[in-house]
Each structure stands twice: as structure tokens, then as C-alpha cells.
PDB file of all heavy atoms in Angstrom:
ATOM      1  N   SER A   1     -20.326 -19.147 -32.149  1.00  0.00           N
ATOM      2  CA  SER A   1     -19.970 -17.958 -31.384  1.00  0.00           C
ATOM      3  C   SER A   1     -20.531 -18.063 -29.976  1.00  0.00           C
ATOM      4  O   SER A   1     -21.487 -18.814 -29.723  1.00  0.00           O
ATOM      5  CB  SER A   1     -20.469 -16.688 -32.062  1.00  0.00           C
ATOM      6  OG  SER A   1     -21.882 -16.673 -32.112  1.00  0.00           O
ATOM      7  N   ILE A   2     -19.925 -17.296 -29.076  1.00  0.00           N
ATOM      8  CA  ILE A   2     -20.390 -17.233 -27.696  1.00  0.00           C
ATOM      9  C   ILE A   2     -20.246 -15.799 -27.221  1.00  0.00           C
ATOM     10  O   ILE A   2     -19.196 -15.174 -27.411  1.00  0.00           O
ATOM     11  CB  ILE A   2     -19.618 -18.228 -26.804  1.00  0.00           C
ATOM     12  CG1 ILE A   2     -20.178 -18.236 -25.384  1.00  0.00           C
ATOM     13  CG2 ILE A   2     -18.116 -17.942 -26.813  1.00  0.00           C
ATOM     14  CD1 ILE A   2     -19.689 -19.420 -24.541  1.00  0.00           C
ATOM     15  N   THR A   3     -21.303 -15.255 -26.623  1.00  0.00           N
ATOM     16  CA  THR A   3     -21.239 -13.887 -26.134  1.00  0.00           C
ATOM     17  C   THR A   3     -20.459 -13.834 -24.820  1.00  0.00           C
ATOM     18  O   THR A   3     -20.130 -14.859 -24.217  1.00  0.00           O
ATOM     19  CB  THR A   3     -22.644 -13.318 -25.906  1.00  0.00           C
ATOM     20  OG1 THR A   3     -23.231 -13.989 -24.781  1.00  0.00           O
ATOM     21  CG2 THR A   3     -23.510 -13.483 -27.136  1.00  0.00           C
ATOM     22  N   ASN A   4     -20.213 -12.613 -24.366  1.00  0.00           N
ATOM     23  CA  ASN A   4     -19.501 -12.464 -23.098  1.00  0.00           C
ATOM     24  C   ASN A   4     -20.354 -12.936 -21.918  1.00  0.00           C
ATOM     25  O   ASN A   4     -19.838 -13.124 -20.824  1.00  0.00           O
ATOM     26  CB  ASN A   4     -19.040 -11.023 -22.900  1.00  0.00           C
ATOM     27  CG  ASN A   4     -20.180 -10.018 -22.951  1.00  0.00           C
ATOM     28  OD1 ASN A   4     -21.339 -10.387 -23.072  1.00  0.00           O
ATOM     29  ND2 ASN A   4     -19.850  -8.740 -22.865  1.00  0.00           N
ATOM     30  N   ARG A   5     -21.647 -13.168 -22.174  1.00  0.00           N
ATOM     31  CA  ARG A   5     -22.526 -13.689 -21.122  1.00  0.00           C
ATOM     32  C   ARG A   5     -22.840 -15.169 -21.302  1.00  0.00           C
ATOM     33  O   ARG A   5     -23.636 -15.734 -20.564  1.00  0.00           O
ATOM     34  CB  ARG A   5     -23.828 -12.884 -21.078  1.00  0.00           C
ATOM     35  CG  ARG A   5     -23.613 -11.442 -20.664  1.00  0.00           C
ATOM     36  CD  ARG A   5     -24.914 -10.733 -20.403  1.00  0.00           C
ATOM     37  NE  ARG A   5     -24.702  -9.370 -19.930  1.00  0.00           N
ATOM     38  CZ  ARG A   5     -25.672  -8.581 -19.504  1.00  0.00           C
ATOM     39  NH1 ARG A   5     -26.916  -9.017 -19.490  1.00  0.00           N
ATOM     40  NH2 ARG A   5     -25.401  -7.354 -19.104  1.00  0.00           N
ATOM     41  N   GLY A   6     -22.245 -15.775 -22.351  1.00  0.00           N
ATOM     42  CA  GLY A   6     -22.385 -17.217 -22.523  1.00  0.00           C
ATOM     43  C   GLY A   6     -23.466 -17.683 -23.465  1.00  0.00           C
ATOM     44  O   GLY A   6     -23.707 -18.887 -23.585  1.00  0.00           O
ATOM     45  N   MET A   7     -24.120 -16.777 -24.165  1.00  0.00           N
ATOM     46  CA  MET A   7     -25.120 -17.191 -25.153  1.00  0.00           C
ATOM     47  C   MET A   7     -24.392 -17.677 -26.407  1.00  0.00           C
ATOM     48  O   MET A   7     -23.419 -17.061 -26.850  1.00  0.00           O
ATOM     49  CB  MET A   7     -26.052 -16.031 -25.483  1.00  0.00           C
ATOM     50  CG  MET A   7     -26.926 -15.616 -24.319  1.00  0.00           C
ATOM     51  SD  MET A   7     -28.059 -14.296 -24.776  1.00  0.00           S
ATOM     52  CE  MET A   7     -29.044 -15.114 -26.015  1.00  0.00           C
ATOM     53  N   THR A   8     -24.897 -18.757 -26.973  1.00  0.00           N
ATOM     54  CA  THR A   8     -24.189 -19.396 -28.086  1.00  0.00           C
ATOM     55  C   THR A   8     -25.022 -19.384 -29.367  1.00  0.00           C
ATOM     56  O   THR A   8     -26.260 -19.280 -29.336  1.00  0.00           O
ATOM     57  CB  THR A   8     -23.827 -20.847 -27.732  1.00  0.00           C
ATOM     58  OG1 THR A   8     -25.029 -21.568 -27.416  1.00  0.00           O
ATOM     59  CG2 THR A   8     -22.891 -20.899 -26.538  1.00  0.00           C
ATOM     60  N   ASN A   9     -24.322 -19.525 -30.475  1.00  0.00           N
ATOM     61  CA  ASN A   9     -24.937 -19.589 -31.790  1.00  0.00           C
ATOM     62  C   ASN A   9     -24.067 -20.489 -32.656  1.00  0.00           C
ATOM     63  O   ASN A   9     -22.836 -20.500 -32.510  1.00  0.00           O
ATOM     64  CB  ASN A   9     -25.034 -18.194 -32.409  1.00  0.00           C
ATOM     65  CG  ASN A   9     -25.816 -18.195 -33.694  1.00  0.00           C
ATOM     66  OD1 ASN A   9     -26.793 -18.917 -33.839  1.00  0.00           O
ATOM     67  ND2 ASN A   9     -25.392 -17.389 -34.658  1.00  0.00           N
ATOM     68  N   TYR A  10     -24.706 -21.263 -33.546  1.00  0.00           N
ATOM     69  CA  TYR A  10     -23.969 -22.242 -34.341  1.00  0.00           C
ATOM     70  C   TYR A  10     -24.375 -22.173 -35.805  1.00  0.00           C
ATOM     71  O   TYR A  10     -25.523 -21.875 -36.136  1.00  0.00           O
ATOM     72  CB  TYR A  10     -24.243 -23.663 -33.826  1.00  0.00           C
ATOM     73  CG  TYR A  10     -23.781 -23.887 -32.414  1.00  0.00           C
ATOM     74  CD1 TYR A  10     -24.632 -23.679 -31.336  1.00  0.00           C
ATOM     75  CD2 TYR A  10     -22.469 -24.283 -32.156  1.00  0.00           C
ATOM     76  CE1 TYR A  10     -24.201 -23.871 -30.035  1.00  0.00           C
ATOM     77  CE2 TYR A  10     -22.018 -24.480 -30.861  1.00  0.00           C
ATOM     78  CZ  TYR A  10     -22.885 -24.269 -29.805  1.00  0.00           C
ATOM     79  OH  TYR A  10     -22.445 -24.453 -28.521  1.00  0.00           O
ATOM     80  N   ALA A  11     -23.427 -22.512 -36.659  1.00  0.00           N
ATOM     81  CA  ALA A  11     -23.748 -22.732 -38.061  1.00  0.00           C
ATOM     82  C   ALA A  11     -24.636 -23.963 -38.154  1.00  0.00           C
ATOM     83  O   ALA A  11     -24.512 -24.909 -37.367  1.00  0.00           O
ATOM     84  CB  ALA A  11     -22.468 -22.930 -38.867  1.00  0.00           C
ATOM     85  N   HIS A  12     -25.517 -23.958 -39.138  1.00  0.00           N
ATOM     86  CA  HIS A  12     -26.463 -25.059 -39.285  1.00  0.00           C
ATOM     87  C   HIS A  12     -25.742 -26.400 -39.427  1.00  0.00           C
ATOM     88  O   HIS A  12     -26.192 -27.424 -38.888  1.00  0.00           O
ATOM     89  CB  HIS A  12     -27.350 -24.809 -40.497  1.00  0.00           C
ATOM     90  CG  HIS A  12     -28.311 -25.917 -40.772  1.00  0.00           C
ATOM     91  ND1 HIS A  12     -29.443 -26.130 -40.002  1.00  0.00           N
ATOM     92  CD2 HIS A  12     -28.312 -26.889 -41.715  1.00  0.00           C
ATOM     93  CE1 HIS A  12     -30.095 -27.180 -40.475  1.00  0.00           C
ATOM     94  NE2 HIS A  12     -29.432 -27.657 -41.513  1.00  0.00           N
ATOM     95  N   SER A  13     -24.602 -26.382 -40.105  1.00  0.00           N
ATOM     96  CA  SER A  13     -23.900 -27.631 -40.414  1.00  0.00           C
ATOM     97  C   SER A  13     -23.301 -28.315 -39.182  1.00  0.00           C
ATOM     98  O   SER A  13     -22.971 -29.505 -39.237  1.00  0.00           O
ATOM     99  CB  SER A  13     -22.800 -27.367 -41.435  1.00  0.00           C
ATOM    100  OG  SER A  13     -21.861 -26.430 -40.931  1.00  0.00           O
ATOM    101  N   VAL A  14     -23.135 -27.575 -38.083  1.00  0.00           N
ATOM    102  CA  VAL A  14     -22.505 -28.158 -36.897  1.00  0.00           C
ATOM    103  C   VAL A  14     -23.449 -28.216 -35.700  1.00  0.00           C
ATOM    104  O   VAL A  14     -23.093 -28.780 -34.658  1.00  0.00           O
ATOM    105  CB  VAL A  14     -21.220 -27.391 -36.509  1.00  0.00           C
ATOM    106  CG1 VAL A  14     -20.287 -27.282 -37.700  1.00  0.00           C
ATOM    107  CG2 VAL A  14     -21.533 -26.017 -35.940  1.00  0.00           C
ATOM    108  N   LYS A  15     -24.622 -27.671 -35.832  1.00  0.00           N
ATOM    109  CA  LYS A  15     -25.557 -27.608 -34.722  1.00  0.00           C
ATOM    110  C   LYS A  15     -25.877 -29.012 -34.227  1.00  0.00           C
ATOM    111  O   LYS A  15     -26.158 -29.916 -35.022  1.00  0.00           O
ATOM    112  CB  LYS A  15     -26.838 -26.898 -35.155  1.00  0.00           C
ATOM    113  CG  LYS A  15     -27.545 -26.154 -34.053  1.00  0.00           C
ATOM    114  CD  LYS A  15     -28.571 -25.189 -34.640  1.00  0.00           C
ATOM    115  CE  LYS A  15     -29.075 -24.225 -33.592  1.00  0.00           C
ATOM    116  NZ  LYS A  15     -30.001 -23.224 -34.160  1.00  0.00           N
ATOM    117  N   GLY A  16     -25.813 -29.205 -32.921  1.00  0.00           N
ATOM    118  CA  GLY A  16     -26.081 -30.507 -32.336  1.00  0.00           C
ATOM    119  C   GLY A  16     -24.857 -31.400 -32.239  1.00  0.00           C
ATOM    120  O   GLY A  16     -24.887 -32.421 -31.554  1.00  0.00           O
ATOM    121  N   ARG A  17     -23.772 -31.018 -32.902  1.00  0.00           N
ATOM    122  CA  ARG A  17     -22.538 -31.810 -32.859  1.00  0.00           C
ATOM    123  C   ARG A  17     -21.404 -31.066 -32.169  1.00  0.00           C
ATOM    124  O   ARG A  17     -20.563 -31.680 -31.518  1.00  0.00           O
ATOM    125  CB  ARG A  17     -22.087 -32.180 -34.282  1.00  0.00           C
ATOM    126  CG  ARG A  17     -23.097 -33.003 -35.047  1.00  0.00           C
ATOM    127  CD  ARG A  17     -22.517 -33.491 -36.381  1.00  0.00           C
ATOM    128  NE  ARG A  17     -22.149 -32.391 -37.275  1.00  0.00           N
ATOM    129  CZ  ARG A  17     -20.928 -32.197 -37.763  1.00  0.00           C
ATOM    130  NH1 ARG A  17     -19.942 -33.027 -37.443  1.00  0.00           N
ATOM    131  NH2 ARG A  17     -20.688 -31.174 -38.589  1.00  0.00           N
ATOM    132  N   PHE A  18     -21.359 -29.753 -32.328  1.00  0.00           N
ATOM    133  CA  PHE A  18     -20.279 -28.934 -31.767  1.00  0.00           C
ATOM    134  C   PHE A  18     -20.822 -28.114 -30.588  1.00  0.00           C
ATOM    135  O   PHE A  18     -21.986 -27.705 -30.588  1.00  0.00           O
ATOM    136  CB  PHE A  18     -19.728 -27.961 -32.809  1.00  0.00           C
ATOM    137  CG  PHE A  18     -18.934 -28.604 -33.920  1.00  0.00           C
ATOM    138  CD1 PHE A  18     -18.913 -29.984 -34.113  1.00  0.00           C
ATOM    139  CD2 PHE A  18     -18.197 -27.810 -34.777  1.00  0.00           C
ATOM    140  CE1 PHE A  18     -18.182 -30.559 -35.139  1.00  0.00           C
ATOM    141  CE2 PHE A  18     -17.456 -28.360 -35.815  1.00  0.00           C
ATOM    142  CZ  PHE A  18     -17.462 -29.736 -35.997  1.00  0.00           C
ATOM    143  N   THR A  19     -19.937 -27.851 -29.620  1.00  0.00           N
ATOM    144  CA  THR A  19     -20.287 -27.018 -28.481  1.00  0.00           C
ATOM    145  C   THR A  19     -19.162 -26.022 -28.222  1.00  0.00           C
ATOM    146  O   THR A  19     -18.004 -26.425 -28.033  1.00  0.00           O
ATOM    147  CB  THR A  19     -20.513 -27.862 -27.221  1.00  0.00           C
ATOM    148  OG1 THR A  19     -21.548 -28.823 -27.461  1.00  0.00           O
ATOM    149  CG2 THR A  19     -20.926 -26.969 -26.048  1.00  0.00           C
ATOM    150  N   ILE A  20     -19.511 -24.743 -28.217  1.00  0.00           N
ATOM    151  CA  ILE A  20     -18.539 -23.699 -27.901  1.00  0.00           C
ATOM    152  C   ILE A  20     -18.691 -23.329 -26.433  1.00  0.00           C
ATOM    153  O   ILE A  20     -19.801 -23.301 -25.887  1.00  0.00           O
ATOM    154  CB  ILE A  20     -18.729 -22.462 -28.810  1.00  0.00           C
ATOM    155  CG1 ILE A  20     -17.600 -21.452 -28.601  1.00  0.00           C
ATOM    156  CG2 ILE A  20     -20.098 -21.827 -28.605  1.00  0.00           C
ATOM    157  CD1 ILE A  20     -17.619 -20.301 -29.619  1.00  0.00           C
ATOM    158  N   SER A  21     -17.557 -23.065 -25.788  1.00  0.00           N
ATOM    159  CA  SER A  21     -17.580 -22.641 -24.390  1.00  0.00           C
ATOM    160  C   SER A  21     -16.387 -21.715 -24.144  1.00  0.00           C
ATOM    161  O   SER A  21     -15.502 -21.590 -24.998  1.00  0.00           O
ATOM    162  CB  SER A  21     -17.536 -23.844 -23.447  1.00  0.00           C
ATOM    163  OG  SER A  21     -16.346 -24.588 -23.637  1.00  0.00           O
ATOM    164  N   ARG A  22     -16.381 -21.092 -22.982  1.00  0.00           N
ATOM    165  CA  ARG A  22     -15.282 -20.184 -22.659  1.00  0.00           C
ATOM    166  C   ARG A  22     -14.977 -20.252 -21.180  1.00  0.00           C
ATOM    167  O   ARG A  22     -15.860 -20.546 -20.368  1.00  0.00           O
ATOM    168  CB  ARG A  22     -15.614 -18.759 -23.079  1.00  0.00           C
ATOM    169  CG  ARG A  22     -16.749 -18.115 -22.313  1.00  0.00           C
ATOM    170  CD  ARG A  22     -17.189 -16.802 -22.973  1.00  0.00           C
ATOM    171  NE  ARG A  22     -16.134 -15.796 -22.937  1.00  0.00           N
ATOM    172  CZ  ARG A  22     -16.123 -14.719 -23.723  1.00  0.00           C
ATOM    173  NH1 ARG A  22     -17.102 -14.523 -24.602  1.00  0.00           N
ATOM    174  NH2 ARG A  22     -15.149 -13.845 -23.623  1.00  0.00           N
ATOM    175  N   ASP A  23     -13.725 -19.963 -20.851  1.00  0.00           N
ATOM    176  CA  ASP A  23     -13.288 -19.862 -19.465  1.00  0.00           C
ATOM    177  C   ASP A  23     -12.578 -18.523 -19.340  1.00  0.00           C
ATOM    178  O   ASP A  23     -11.421 -18.381 -19.741  1.00  0.00           O
ATOM    179  CB  ASP A  23     -12.361 -21.024 -19.112  1.00  0.00           C
ATOM    180  CG  ASP A  23     -11.973 -21.037 -17.643  1.00  0.00           C
ATOM    181  OD1 ASP A  23     -12.080 -19.989 -16.977  1.00  0.00           O
ATOM    182  OD2 ASP A  23     -11.546 -22.103 -17.168  1.00  0.00           O
ATOM    183  N   ASN A  24     -13.284 -17.533 -18.801  1.00  0.00           N
ATOM    184  CA  ASN A  24     -12.713 -16.186 -18.730  1.00  0.00           C
ATOM    185  C   ASN A  24     -11.520 -16.128 -17.788  1.00  0.00           C
ATOM    186  O   ASN A  24     -10.647 -15.270 -17.950  1.00  0.00           O
ATOM    187  CB  ASN A  24     -13.780 -15.190 -18.297  1.00  0.00           C
ATOM    188  CG  ASN A  24     -14.824 -14.948 -19.379  1.00  0.00           C
ATOM    189  OD1 ASN A  24     -14.586 -15.229 -20.559  1.00  0.00           O
ATOM    190  ND2 ASN A  24     -15.983 -14.458 -18.981  1.00  0.00           N
ATOM    191  N   SER A  25     -11.451 -17.017 -16.810  1.00  0.00           N
ATOM    192  CA  SER A  25     -10.315 -17.020 -15.885  1.00  0.00           C
ATOM    193  C   SER A  25      -9.030 -17.474 -16.575  1.00  0.00           C
ATOM    194  O   SER A  25      -7.929 -17.190 -16.090  1.00  0.00           O
ATOM    195  CB  SER A  25     -10.603 -17.913 -14.682  1.00  0.00           C
ATOM    196  OG  SER A  25     -10.633 -19.279 -15.063  1.00  0.00           O
ATOM    197  N   LYS A  26      -9.185 -18.177 -17.703  1.00  0.00           N
ATOM    198  CA  LYS A  26      -8.024 -18.675 -18.452  1.00  0.00           C
ATOM    199  C   LYS A  26      -7.870 -17.979 -19.807  1.00  0.00           C
ATOM    200  O   LYS A  26      -7.027 -18.380 -20.607  1.00  0.00           O
ATOM    201  CB  LYS A  26      -8.151 -20.190 -18.667  1.00  0.00           C
ATOM    202  CG  LYS A  26      -8.131 -20.994 -17.386  1.00  0.00           C
ATOM    203  CD  LYS A  26      -8.234 -22.482 -17.667  1.00  0.00           C
ATOM    204  CE  LYS A  26      -8.192 -23.279 -16.358  1.00  0.00           C
ATOM    205  NZ  LYS A  26      -8.313 -24.743 -16.607  1.00  0.00           N
ATOM    206  N   ASN A  27      -8.716 -16.978 -20.057  1.00  0.00           N
ATOM    207  CA  ASN A  27      -8.678 -16.280 -21.352  1.00  0.00           C
ATOM    208  C   ASN A  27      -8.729 -17.257 -22.519  1.00  0.00           C
ATOM    209  O   ASN A  27      -8.011 -17.115 -23.510  1.00  0.00           O
ATOM    210  CB  ASN A  27      -7.410 -15.424 -21.466  1.00  0.00           C
ATOM    211  CG  ASN A  27      -7.527 -14.113 -20.729  1.00  0.00           C
ATOM    212  OD1 ASN A  27      -8.444 -13.924 -19.921  1.00  0.00           O
ATOM    213  ND2 ASN A  27      -6.600 -13.209 -20.958  1.00  0.00           N
ATOM    214  N   THR A  28      -9.599 -18.245 -22.406  1.00  0.00           N
ATOM    215  CA  THR A  28      -9.629 -19.334 -23.373  1.00  0.00           C
ATOM    216  C   THR A  28     -11.051 -19.598 -23.853  1.00  0.00           C
ATOM    217  O   THR A  28     -11.995 -19.576 -23.051  1.00  0.00           O
ATOM    218  CB  THR A  28      -9.054 -20.621 -22.756  1.00  0.00           C
ATOM    219  OG1 THR A  28      -7.702 -20.373 -22.334  1.00  0.00           O
ATOM    220  CG2 THR A  28      -9.036 -21.763 -23.768  1.00  0.00           C
ATOM    221  N   VAL A  29     -11.166 -19.866 -25.146  1.00  0.00           N
ATOM    222  CA  VAL A  29     -12.426 -20.304 -25.740  1.00  0.00           C
ATOM    223  C   VAL A  29     -12.189 -21.693 -26.338  1.00  0.00           C
ATOM    224  O   VAL A  29     -11.122 -21.957 -26.902  1.00  0.00           O
ATOM    225  CB  VAL A  29     -12.948 -19.289 -26.783  1.00  0.00           C
ATOM    226  CG1 VAL A  29     -11.954 -19.074 -27.906  1.00  0.00           C
ATOM    227  CG2 VAL A  29     -14.313 -19.710 -27.306  1.00  0.00           C
ATOM    228  N   TYR A  30     -13.187 -22.553 -26.180  1.00  0.00           N
ATOM    229  CA  TYR A  30     -13.078 -23.951 -26.608  1.00  0.00           C
ATOM    230  C   TYR A  30     -14.126 -24.274 -27.665  1.00  0.00           C
ATOM    231  O   TYR A  30     -15.171 -23.639 -27.742  1.00  0.00           O
ATOM    232  CB  TYR A  30     -13.291 -24.894 -25.420  1.00  0.00           C
ATOM    233  CG  TYR A  30     -12.373 -24.665 -24.253  1.00  0.00           C
ATOM    234  CD1 TYR A  30     -12.782 -23.916 -23.155  1.00  0.00           C
ATOM    235  CD2 TYR A  30     -11.088 -25.217 -24.230  1.00  0.00           C
ATOM    236  CE1 TYR A  30     -11.945 -23.710 -22.065  1.00  0.00           C
ATOM    237  CE2 TYR A  30     -10.251 -25.020 -23.146  1.00  0.00           C
ATOM    238  CZ  TYR A  30     -10.680 -24.258 -22.077  1.00  0.00           C
ATOM    239  OH  TYR A  30      -9.843 -24.057 -21.002  1.00  0.00           O
ATOM    240  N   LEU A  31     -13.830 -25.312 -28.440  1.00  0.00           N
ATOM    241  CA  LEU A  31     -14.823 -25.870 -29.348  1.00  0.00           C
ATOM    242  C   LEU A  31     -14.743 -27.389 -29.227  1.00  0.00           C
ATOM    243  O   LEU A  31     -13.750 -27.991 -29.647  1.00  0.00           O
ATOM    244  CB  LEU A  31     -14.575 -25.434 -30.793  1.00  0.00           C
ATOM    245  CG  LEU A  31     -15.640 -25.858 -31.797  1.00  0.00           C
ATOM    246  CD1 LEU A  31     -16.956 -25.104 -31.521  1.00  0.00           C
ATOM    247  CD2 LEU A  31     -15.182 -25.596 -33.231  1.00  0.00           C
ATOM    248  N   GLN A  32     -15.760 -27.962 -28.617  1.00  0.00           N
ATOM    249  CA  GLN A  32     -15.864 -29.413 -28.520  1.00  0.00           C
ATOM    250  C   GLN A  32     -16.579 -29.919 -29.765  1.00  0.00           C
ATOM    251  O   GLN A  32     -17.707 -29.486 -30.037  1.00  0.00           O
ATOM    252  CB  GLN A  32     -16.633 -29.813 -27.266  1.00  0.00           C
ATOM    253  CG  GLN A  32     -16.873 -31.311 -27.128  1.00  0.00           C
ATOM    254  CD  GLN A  32     -15.599 -32.092 -26.890  1.00  0.00           C
ATOM    255  OE1 GLN A  32     -14.758 -31.693 -26.094  1.00  0.00           O
ATOM    256  NE2 GLN A  32     -15.454 -33.212 -27.582  1.00  0.00           N
ATOM    257  N   MET A  33     -15.936 -30.813 -30.484  1.00  0.00           N
ATOM    258  CA  MET A  33     -16.478 -31.305 -31.746  1.00  0.00           C
ATOM    259  C   MET A  33     -16.723 -32.807 -31.636  1.00  0.00           C
ATOM    260  O   MET A  33     -15.781 -33.574 -31.439  1.00  0.00           O
ATOM    261  CB  MET A  33     -15.501 -31.001 -32.884  1.00  0.00           C
ATOM    262  CG  MET A  33     -15.170 -29.532 -33.016  1.00  0.00           C
ATOM    263  SD  MET A  33     -14.033 -29.164 -34.376  1.00  0.00           S
ATOM    264  CE  MET A  33     -12.521 -29.856 -33.717  1.00  0.00           C
ATOM    265  N   ASN A  34     -17.979 -33.198 -31.744  1.00  0.00           N
ATOM    266  CA  ASN A  34     -18.368 -34.601 -31.686  1.00  0.00           C
ATOM    267  C   ASN A  34     -18.964 -35.037 -33.023  1.00  0.00           C
ATOM    268  O   ASN A  34     -19.333 -34.204 -33.846  1.00  0.00           O
ATOM    269  CB  ASN A  34     -19.386 -34.814 -30.569  1.00  0.00           C
ATOM    270  CG  ASN A  34     -18.852 -34.464 -29.205  1.00  0.00           C
ATOM    271  OD1 ASN A  34     -17.653 -34.600 -28.921  1.00  0.00           O
ATOM    272  ND2 ASN A  34     -19.725 -34.003 -28.310  1.00  0.00           N
ATOM    273  N   SER A  35     -19.045 -36.347 -33.204  1.00  0.00           N
ATOM    274  CA  SER A  35     -19.627 -36.905 -34.437  1.00  0.00           C
ATOM    275  C   SER A  35     -19.025 -36.248 -35.667  1.00  0.00           C
ATOM    276  O   SER A  35     -19.739 -35.826 -36.583  1.00  0.00           O
ATOM    277  CB  SER A  35     -21.155 -36.720 -34.426  1.00  0.00           C
ATOM    278  OG  SER A  35     -21.730 -37.343 -33.303  1.00  0.00           O
ATOM    279  N   LEU A  36     -17.722 -36.169 -35.679  1.00  0.00           N
ATOM    280  CA  LEU A  36     -17.025 -35.473 -36.762  1.00  0.00           C
ATOM    281  C   LEU A  36     -17.234 -36.177 -38.100  1.00  0.00           C
ATOM    282  O   LEU A  36     -17.330 -37.418 -38.166  1.00  0.00           O
ATOM    283  CB  LEU A  36     -15.540 -35.351 -36.441  1.00  0.00           C
ATOM    284  CG  LEU A  36     -15.209 -34.241 -35.445  1.00  0.00           C
ATOM    285  CD1 LEU A  36     -13.836 -34.456 -34.814  1.00  0.00           C
ATOM    286  CD2 LEU A  36     -15.272 -32.877 -36.124  1.00  0.00           C
ATOM    287  N   LYS A  37     -17.286 -35.363 -39.154  1.00  0.00           N
ATOM    288  CA  LYS A  37     -17.484 -35.839 -40.517  1.00  0.00           C
ATOM    289  C   LYS A  37     -16.295 -35.394 -41.377  1.00  0.00           C
ATOM    290  O   LYS A  37     -15.647 -34.389 -41.062  1.00  0.00           O
ATOM    291  CB  LYS A  37     -18.767 -35.245 -41.090  1.00  0.00           C
ATOM    292  CG  LYS A  37     -20.009 -35.510 -40.272  1.00  0.00           C
ATOM    293  CD  LYS A  37     -21.211 -34.788 -40.868  1.00  0.00           C
ATOM    294  CE  LYS A  37     -22.462 -35.030 -40.043  1.00  0.00           C
ATOM    295  NZ  LYS A  37     -23.640 -34.313 -40.625  1.00  0.00           N
ATOM    296  N   PRO A  38     -16.033 -36.088 -42.463  1.00  0.00           N
ATOM    297  CA  PRO A  38     -14.932 -35.669 -43.346  1.00  0.00           C
ATOM    298  C   PRO A  38     -15.075 -34.212 -43.801  1.00  0.00           C
ATOM    299  O   PRO A  38     -14.057 -33.521 -43.970  1.00  0.00           O
ATOM    300  CB  PRO A  38     -15.045 -36.643 -44.518  1.00  0.00           C
ATOM    301  CG  PRO A  38     -15.606 -37.885 -43.912  1.00  0.00           C
ATOM    302  CD  PRO A  38     -16.593 -37.394 -42.878  1.00  0.00           C
ATOM    303  N   GLU A  39     -16.295 -33.748 -43.970  1.00  0.00           N
ATOM    304  CA  GLU A  39     -16.493 -32.364 -44.418  1.00  0.00           C
ATOM    305  C   GLU A  39     -16.181 -31.337 -43.332  1.00  0.00           C
ATOM    306  O   GLU A  39     -16.189 -30.130 -43.593  1.00  0.00           O
ATOM    307  CB  GLU A  39     -17.924 -32.155 -44.933  1.00  0.00           C
ATOM    308  CG  GLU A  39     -19.006 -32.618 -43.982  1.00  0.00           C
ATOM    309  CD  GLU A  39     -19.520 -34.015 -44.320  1.00  0.00           C
ATOM    310  OE1 GLU A  39     -18.677 -34.908 -44.632  1.00  0.00           O
ATOM    311  OE2 GLU A  39     -20.751 -34.214 -44.274  1.00  0.00           O
ATOM    312  N   ASP A  40     -15.873 -31.782 -42.119  1.00  0.00           N
ATOM    313  CA  ASP A  40     -15.412 -30.877 -41.061  1.00  0.00           C
ATOM    314  C   ASP A  40     -13.915 -30.599 -41.173  1.00  0.00           C
ATOM    315  O   ASP A  40     -13.383 -29.766 -40.429  1.00  0.00           O
ATOM    316  CB  ASP A  40     -15.709 -31.457 -39.683  1.00  0.00           C
ATOM    317  CG  ASP A  40     -17.195 -31.583 -39.397  1.00  0.00           C
ATOM    318  OD1 ASP A  40     -17.945 -30.646 -39.739  1.00  0.00           O
ATOM    319  OD2 ASP A  40     -17.600 -32.617 -38.820  1.00  0.00           O
TER     320      ASP A  40
END
């Protein structure tokens, strides 16, 4: 999750691998996923 001020929170299983971000000018939220595992 990401707050309207940009503070983030992650599930334990993805912490350190996934990054959430947002671009309010584009009304878009992103999820960058690295080091992906089959369980993802």
C-alpha cells in the first residue's frame, strides 16, 4: 500500500523485492516486482 503522501507498507512475503509507487499526475499506481518467485 501507499498513502496519499507516499508512505509505503508491504506484506512480509514481498518486502525487499516489490516496490509500490504512484504518479498522481497520471492517476496511476505501480508495483515494481523484482526477484520474482513461482509463489508470486
